[in-house]
Amino acid sequence: MIGKLRGLVDSVSEDSLILDVNGVGYLVAASARTLRNLPAIGEAATLHIETQVREDAIRLFGFLAEIERDWFRLLQNVQGVGAKVALAILGILSPAELGQAIALQDKAMVARAPGVGPKLAARIVLELKDKGPAPSLADLGGDIAGPAGGALGRGAQDAVLALVTLGYARPQASLAVARGVAALGADAETAALIRLGLKELAQ
């Protein structure tokens, strides 16, 4: 199975791209968001790949961030959500926005994606509650200043666990703690992150 590809962006179409890896062109399906954020044609790109093997085809799906690939996998665990619908959702919502929508049970936000009706959106936010992957600081976008890259540290993970124990959904707790890490620094103590996380969640 292919898990990651690094090469040059050869061409981009409406729903896919060709990535040239040492002279071999890989056809990779991607969300509209991923395609918009690709480097220019001829420049290097690294894609996290989800490989799906069917009787009649092998399909590659590419993502600029691992957490986006994780959401792609999770979404397809919901009945009625295939690869096309999962890509449509990720094309409209960033991983952080999707995590917030699920944490807040905001089905209207999910229903903005093409091909997602109110019933399917309600099923998605219900079935994926507490199942979202914890984002790293790098995954949360430019609105969060602080050290980029890497998963949340041990102190932050403990803070997330504490907030989940208090009844908050995991995606919502992860986002609040990540913002706390951005504000207080990577070495912040768990107790301080919990206090700041509770303040964030109370807004």
C-alpha atoms as a PDB file:
ATOM      1  CA  MET A   1       0.000   0.000   0.000  1.00  0.00           C
ATOM      2  CA  ILE A   2       1.139   3.550  -0.720  1.00  0.00           C
ATOM      3  CA  GLY A   3       1.105   5.793   2.365  1.00  0.00           C
ATOM      4  CA  LYS A   4       2.942   8.880   1.143  1.00  0.00           C
ATOM      5  CA  LEU A   5       4.178  10.317  -2.144  1.00  0.00           C
ATOM      6  CA  ARG A   6       6.635  13.119  -2.745  1.00  0.00           C
ATOM      7  CA  GLY A   7       7.130  14.471  -6.244  1.00  0.00           C
ATOM      8  CA  LEU A   8       6.459  17.325  -8.628  1.00  0.00           C
ATOM      9  CA  VAL A   9       2.970  18.576  -9.404  1.00  0.00           C
ATOM     10  CA  ASP A  10       2.551  17.691 -13.080  1.00  0.00           C
ATOM     11  CA  SER A  11      -1.044  18.751 -13.716  1.00  0.00           C
ATOM     12  CA  VAL A  12      -4.247  19.530 -11.838  1.00  0.00           C
ATOM     13  CA  SER A  13      -7.841  18.871 -12.900  1.00  0.00           C
ATOM     14  CA  GLU A  14     -11.205  19.514 -11.251  1.00  0.00           C
ATOM     15  CA  ASP A  15     -10.990  16.592  -8.818  1.00  0.00           C
ATOM     16  CA  SER A  16      -7.488  15.141  -9.128  1.00  0.00           C
ATOM     17  CA  LEU A  17      -3.841  15.767  -9.905  1.00  0.00           C
ATOM     18  CA  ILE A  18      -0.923  13.944 -11.418  1.00  0.00           C
ATOM     19  CA  LEU A  19       2.134  13.798  -9.181  1.00  0.00           C
ATOM     20  CA  ASP A  20       5.392  13.027 -10.982  1.00  0.00           C
ATOM     21  CA  VAL A  21       7.532  10.819  -8.735  1.00  0.00           C
ATOM     22  CA  ASN A  22      10.872  10.140 -10.413  1.00  0.00           C
ATOM     23  CA  GLY A  23       9.272  10.048 -13.834  1.00  0.00           C
ATOM     24  CA  VAL A  24       6.196   8.037 -12.850  1.00  0.00           C
ATOM     25  CA  GLY A  25       2.932   9.969 -12.912  1.00  0.00           C
ATOM     26  CA  TYR A  26       0.521   8.998 -10.138  1.00  0.00           C
ATOM     27  CA  LEU A  27      -3.129   9.971 -10.626  1.00  0.00           C
ATOM     28  CA  VAL A  28      -4.330  11.121  -7.198  1.00  0.00           C
ATOM     29  CA  ALA A  29      -7.889  12.149  -6.331  1.00  0.00           C
ATOM     30  CA  ALA A  30      -8.120  15.042  -3.882  1.00  0.00           C
ATOM     31  CA  SER A  31     -10.557  17.438  -2.260  1.00  0.00           C
ATOM     32  CA  ALA A  32     -11.124  20.915  -3.660  1.00  0.00           C
ATOM     33  CA  ARG A  33      -9.341  22.335  -0.602  1.00  0.00           C
ATOM     34  CA  THR A  34      -6.248  20.197  -1.217  1.00  0.00           C
ATOM     35  CA  LEU A  35      -6.181  21.093  -4.898  1.00  0.00           C
ATOM     36  CA  ARG A  36      -6.429  24.820  -4.090  1.00  0.00           C
ATOM     37  CA  ASN A  37      -3.523  24.625  -1.671  1.00  0.00           C
ATOM     38  CA  LEU A  38      -1.134  22.642  -3.849  1.00  0.00           C
ATOM     39  CA  PRO A  39       2.192  24.183  -4.844  1.00  0.00           C
ATOM     40  CA  ALA A  40       2.414  25.502  -8.404  1.00  0.00           C
ATOM     41  CA  ILE A  41       2.812  23.103 -11.312  1.00  0.00           C
ATOM     42  CA  GLY A  42       6.419  21.948 -11.489  1.00  0.00           C
ATOM     43  CA  GLU A  43       7.012  22.449  -7.762  1.00  0.00           C
ATOM     44  CA  ALA A  44       7.500  19.725  -5.153  1.00  0.00           C
ATOM     45  CA  ALA A  45       4.609  18.452  -3.054  1.00  0.00           C
ATOM     46  CA  THR A  46       4.221  15.782  -0.399  1.00  0.00           C
ATOM     47  CA  LEU A  47       0.879  14.005  -0.172  1.00  0.00           C
ATOM     48  CA  HIS A  48      -0.384  11.636   2.501  1.00  0.00           C
ATOM     49  CA  ILE A  49      -2.063   8.855   0.553  1.00  0.00           C
ATOM     50  CA  GLU A  50      -5.071   6.664   1.223  1.00  0.00           C
ATOM     51  CA  THR A  51      -5.036   3.655  -1.119  1.00  0.00           C
ATOM     52  CA  GLN A  52      -8.340   1.970  -1.900  1.00  0.00           C
ATOM     53  CA  VAL A  53      -8.261  -1.362  -3.715  1.00  0.00           C
ATOM     54  CA  ARG A  54     -11.343  -2.525  -5.570  1.00  0.00           C
ATOM     55  CA  GLU A  55     -11.913  -5.480  -7.849  1.00  0.00           C
ATOM     56  CA  ASP A  56     -11.629  -3.313 -10.932  1.00  0.00           C
ATOM     57  CA  ALA A  57      -9.323  -0.503  -9.826  1.00  0.00           C
ATOM     58  CA  ILE A  58      -6.765   0.852  -7.383  1.00  0.00           C
ATOM     59  CA  ARG A  59      -7.476   4.477  -6.407  1.00  0.00           C
ATOM     60  CA  LEU A  60      -5.189   6.918  -4.637  1.00  0.00           C
ATOM     61  CA  PHE A  61      -6.520   9.800  -2.536  1.00  0.00           C
ATOM     62  CA  GLY A  62      -4.079  12.516  -1.509  1.00  0.00           C
ATOM     63  CA  PHE A  63      -4.025  14.974   1.400  1.00  0.00           C
ATOM     64  CA  LEU A  64      -1.585  17.686   2.435  1.00  0.00           C
ATOM     65  CA  ALA A  65      -2.052  16.870   6.146  1.00  0.00           C
ATOM     66  CA  GLU A  66      -2.320  13.530   7.915  1.00  0.00           C
ATOM     67  CA  ILE A  67      -5.314  14.662   9.947  1.00  0.00           C
ATOM     68  CA  GLU A  68      -7.251  15.326   6.743  1.00  0.00           C
ATOM     69  CA  ARG A  69      -6.550  11.744   5.665  1.00  0.00           C
ATOM     70  CA  ASP A  70      -7.682  10.529   9.093  1.00  0.00           C
ATOM     71  CA  TRP A  71     -10.982  12.410   8.712  1.00  0.00           C
ATOM     72  CA  PHE A  72     -11.382  10.952   5.213  1.00  0.00           C
ATOM     73  CA  ARG A  73     -11.148   7.461   6.688  1.00  0.00           C
ATOM     74  CA  LEU A  74     -13.483   8.231   9.590  1.00  0.00           C
ATOM     75  CA  LEU A  75     -16.151   9.805   7.436  1.00  0.00           C
ATOM     76  CA  GLN A  76     -16.431   6.657   5.338  1.00  0.00           C
ATOM     77  CA  ASN A  77     -17.332   4.656   8.442  1.00  0.00           C
ATOM     78  CA  VAL A  78     -20.699   6.425   8.329  1.00  0.00           C
ATOM     79  CA  GLN A  79     -23.373   4.683   6.259  1.00  0.00           C
ATOM     80  CA  GLY A  80     -24.022   6.630   3.077  1.00  0.00           C
ATOM     81  CA  VAL A  81     -20.611   8.303   2.997  1.00  0.00           C
ATOM     82  CA  GLY A  82     -18.278   7.107   0.266  1.00  0.00           C
ATOM     83  CA  ALA A  83     -15.035   8.561  -1.000  1.00  0.00           C
ATOM     84  CA  LYS A  84     -16.793  11.160  -3.166  1.00  0.00           C
ATOM     85  CA  VAL A  85     -18.919  12.535  -0.323  1.00  0.00           C
ATOM     86  CA  ALA A  86     -15.985  12.466   2.120  1.00  0.00           C
ATOM     87  CA  LEU A  87     -13.891  14.521  -0.319  1.00  0.00           C
ATOM     88  CA  ALA A  88     -16.783  16.939  -0.815  1.00  0.00           C
ATOM     89  CA  ILE A  89     -17.018  17.511   2.949  1.00  0.00           C
ATOM     90  CA  LEU A  90     -13.258  18.025   3.265  1.00  0.00           C
ATOM     91  CA  GLY A  91     -13.379  20.396   0.327  1.00  0.00           C
ATOM     92  CA  ILE A  92     -15.794  22.660   2.221  1.00  0.00           C
ATOM     93  CA  LEU A  93     -14.574  22.249   5.808  1.00  0.00           C
ATOM     94  CA  SER A  94     -11.043  22.210   7.174  1.00  0.00           C
ATOM     95  CA  PRO A  95     -10.226  19.437   9.678  1.00  0.00           C
ATOM     96  CA  ALA A  96     -10.557  21.944  12.540  1.00  0.00           C
ATOM     97  CA  GLU A  97     -13.934  23.186  11.235  1.00  0.00           C
ATOM     98  CA  LEU A  98     -15.188  19.634  10.780  1.00  0.00           C
ATOM     99  CA  GLY A  99     -14.076  18.747  14.310  1.00  0.00           C
ATOM    100  CA  GLN A 100     -15.915  21.771  15.680  1.00  0.00           C
ATOM    101  CA  ALA A 101     -19.045  20.953  13.693  1.00  0.00           C
ATOM    102  CA  ILE A 102     -19.117  17.429  15.082  1.00  0.00           C
ATOM    103  CA  ALA A 103     -18.276  18.544  18.620  1.00  0.00           C
ATOM    104  CA  LEU A 104     -21.104  21.089  18.525  1.00  0.00           C
ATOM    105  CA  GLN A 105     -23.439  18.715  16.628  1.00  0.00           C
ATOM    106  CA  ASP A 106     -23.776  21.387  13.938  1.00  0.00           C
ATOM    107  CA  LYS A 107     -25.385  19.374  11.148  1.00  0.00           C
ATOM    108  CA  ALA A 108     -26.128  22.524   9.103  1.00  0.00           C
ATOM    109  CA  MET A 109     -22.407  23.190   8.795  1.00  0.00           C
ATOM    110  CA  VAL A 110     -21.747  19.675   7.466  1.00  0.00           C
ATOM    111  CA  ALA A 111     -24.761  19.903   5.138  1.00  0.00           C
ATOM    112  CA  ARG A 112     -23.015  22.726   3.244  1.00  0.00           C
ATOM    113  CA  ALA A 113     -21.030  20.081   1.359  1.00  0.00           C
ATOM    114  CA  PRO A 114     -22.369  19.028  -2.059  1.00  0.00           C
ATOM    115  CA  GLY A 115     -24.255  15.743  -1.889  1.00  0.00           C
ATOM    116  CA  VAL A 116     -24.847  15.931   1.875  1.00  0.00           C
ATOM    117  CA  GLY A 117     -28.481  16.329   2.839  1.00  0.00           C
ATOM    118  CA  PRO A 118     -29.845  17.130   6.318  1.00  0.00           C
ATOM    119  CA  LYS A 119     -30.396  13.464   7.245  1.00  0.00           C
ATOM    120  CA  LEU A 120     -26.886  12.400   6.250  1.00  0.00           C
ATOM    121  CA  ALA A 121     -25.356  15.426   7.976  1.00  0.00           C
ATOM    122  CA  ALA A 122     -27.246  14.540  11.179  1.00  0.00           C
ATOM    123  CA  ARG A 123     -25.983  10.944  10.954  1.00  0.00           C
ATOM    124  CA  ILE A 124     -22.393  12.116  10.449  1.00  0.00           C
ATOM    125  CA  VAL A 125     -22.275  14.442  13.456  1.00  0.00           C
ATOM    126  CA  LEU A 126     -24.021  11.859  15.647  1.00  0.00           C
ATOM    127  CA  GLU A 127     -21.951   8.808  14.704  1.00  0.00           C
ATOM    128  CA  LEU A 128     -18.586  10.597  14.738  1.00  0.00           C
ATOM    129  CA  LYS A 129     -19.082  12.368  18.057  1.00  0.00           C
ATOM    130  CA  ASP A 130     -15.990  11.756  20.250  1.00  0.00           C
ATOM    131  CA  LYS A 131     -14.241   9.913  17.405  1.00  0.00           C
ATOM    132  CA  GLY A 132     -12.375  12.731  15.682  1.00  0.00           C
ATOM    133  CA  PRO A 133      -8.561  12.596  15.464  1.00  0.00           C
ATOM    134  CA  ALA A 134      -6.740  15.015  17.756  1.00  0.00           C
ATOM    135  CA  PRO A 135      -5.217  17.823  15.663  1.00  0.00           C
ATOM    136  CA  SER A 136      -1.612  18.948  15.853  1.00  0.00           C
ATOM    137  CA  LEU A 137      -0.884  22.666  15.980  1.00  0.00           C
ATOM    138  CA  ALA A 138       0.131  22.572  12.321  1.00  0.00           C
ATOM    139  CA  ASP A 139      -3.257  21.146  11.382  1.00  0.00           C
ATOM    140  CA  LEU A 140      -5.261  23.928  13.010  1.00  0.00           C
ATOM    141  CA  GLY A 141      -4.481  26.641  10.501  1.00  0.00           C
ATOM    142  CA  GLY A 142      -3.023  30.114  10.531  1.00  0.00           C
ATOM    143  CA  ASP A 143      -5.301  31.577  13.184  1.00  0.00           C
ATOM    144  CA  ILE A 144      -3.279  29.833  15.888  1.00  0.00           C
ATOM    145  CA  ALA A 145       0.165  31.291  16.593  1.00  0.00           C
ATOM    146  CA  GLY A 146       2.753  29.125  18.259  1.00  0.00           C
ATOM    147  CA  PRO A 147       5.152  26.261  17.637  1.00  0.00           C
ATOM    148  CA  ALA A 148       4.127  24.400  14.521  1.00  0.00           C
ATOM    149  CA  GLY A 149       4.306  20.719  13.683  1.00  0.00           C
ATOM    150  CA  GLY A 150       4.077  17.528  15.656  1.00  0.00           C
ATOM    151  CA  ALA A 151       1.273  16.067  17.703  1.00  0.00           C
ATOM    152  CA  LEU A 152       0.194  17.595  20.974  1.00  0.00           C
ATOM    153  CA  GLY A 153       2.695  16.867  23.775  1.00  0.00           C
ATOM    154  CA  ARG A 154       2.077  14.674  26.822  1.00  0.00           C
ATOM    155  CA  GLY A 155       0.897  17.535  29.027  1.00  0.00           C
ATOM    156  CA  ALA A 156      -1.539  18.676  26.348  1.00  0.00           C
ATOM    157  CA  GLN A 157      -2.797  15.134  25.765  1.00  0.00           C
ATOM    158  CA  ASP A 158      -3.443  14.792  29.503  1.00  0.00           C
ATOM    159  CA  ALA A 159      -5.346  18.083  29.418  1.00  0.00           C
ATOM    160  CA  VAL A 160      -7.490  16.826  26.527  1.00  0.00           C
ATOM    161  CA  LEU A 161      -8.210  13.616  28.445  1.00  0.00           C
ATOM    162  CA  ALA A 162      -9.227  15.638  31.500  1.00  0.00           C
ATOM    163  CA  LEU A 163     -11.637  17.764  29.464  1.00  0.00           C
ATOM    164  CA  VAL A 164     -13.119  14.666  27.813  1.00  0.00           C
ATOM    165  CA  THR A 165     -13.606  13.176  31.296  1.00  0.00           C
ATOM    166  CA  LEU A 166     -15.510  16.322  32.217  1.00  0.00           C
ATOM    167  CA  GLY A 167     -17.923  15.613  29.374  1.00  0.00           C
ATOM    168  CA  TYR A 168     -16.538  17.611  26.453  1.00  0.00           C
ATOM    169  CA  ALA A 169     -16.272  15.983  23.029  1.00  0.00           C
ATOM    170  CA  ARG A 170     -12.750  15.022  22.016  1.00  0.00           C
ATOM    171  CA  PRO A 171     -12.473  17.219  18.886  1.00  0.00           C
ATOM    172  CA  GLN A 172     -13.734  20.248  20.826  1.00  0.00           C
ATOM    173  CA  ALA A 173     -11.383  19.543  23.755  1.00  0.00           C
ATOM    174  CA  SER A 174      -8.412  19.003  21.433  1.00  0.00           C
ATOM    175  CA  LEU A 175      -9.000  22.305  19.691  1.00  0.00           C
ATOM    176  CA  ALA A 176      -9.313  24.197  22.988  1.00  0.00           C
ATOM    177  CA  VAL A 177      -6.107  22.672  24.370  1.00  0.00           C
ATOM    178  CA  ALA A 178      -4.216  23.299  21.133  1.00  0.00           C
ATOM    179  CA  ARG A 179      -5.149  26.960  21.376  1.00  0.00           C
ATOM    180  CA  GLY A 180      -3.922  26.899  24.967  1.00  0.00           C
ATOM    181  CA  VAL A 181      -0.580  25.456  23.885  1.00  0.00           C
ATOM    182  CA  ALA A 182      -0.295  28.171  21.242  1.00  0.00           C
ATOM    183  CA  ALA A 183      -0.908  30.819  23.911  1.00  0.00           C
ATOM    184  CA  LEU A 184       1.171  29.375  26.765  1.00  0.00           C
ATOM    185  CA  GLY A 185       3.898  27.507  24.893  1.00  0.00           C
ATOM    186  CA  ALA A 186       4.731  23.857  24.273  1.00  0.00           C
ATOM    187  CA  ASP A 187       6.026  23.385  27.843  1.00  0.00           C
ATOM    188  CA  ALA A 188       2.850  24.598  29.526  1.00  0.00           C
ATOM    189  CA  GLU A 189       1.703  22.591  32.541  1.00  0.00           C
ATOM    190  CA  THR A 190      -1.340  20.376  32.256  1.00  0.00           C
ATOM    191  CA  ALA A 191      -3.273  22.269  34.946  1.00  0.00           C
ATOM    192  CA  ALA A 192      -2.756  25.588  33.172  1.00  0.00           C
ATOM    193  CA  LEU A 193      -3.887  24.067  29.875  1.00  0.00           C
ATOM    194  CA  ILE A 194      -7.004  22.659  31.527  1.00  0.00           C
ATOM    195  CA  ARG A 195      -7.893  26.062  32.999  1.00  0.00           C
ATOM    196  CA  LEU A 196      -7.369  27.806  29.670  1.00  0.00           C
ATOM    197  CA  GLY A 197      -9.204  25.038  27.837  1.00  0.00           C
ATOM    198  CA  LEU A 198     -12.233  25.397  30.118  1.00  0.00           C
ATOM    199  CA  LYS A 199     -12.202  29.140  29.536  1.00  0.00           C
ATOM    200  CA  GLU A 200     -12.064  28.568  25.769  1.00  0.00           C
ATOM    201  CA  LEU A 201     -14.898  26.041  25.876  1.00  0.00           C
ATOM    202  CA  ALA A 202     -17.067  28.359  27.962  1.00  0.00           C
ATOM    203  CA  GLN A 203     -17.110  31.044  25.255  1.00  0.00           C
END
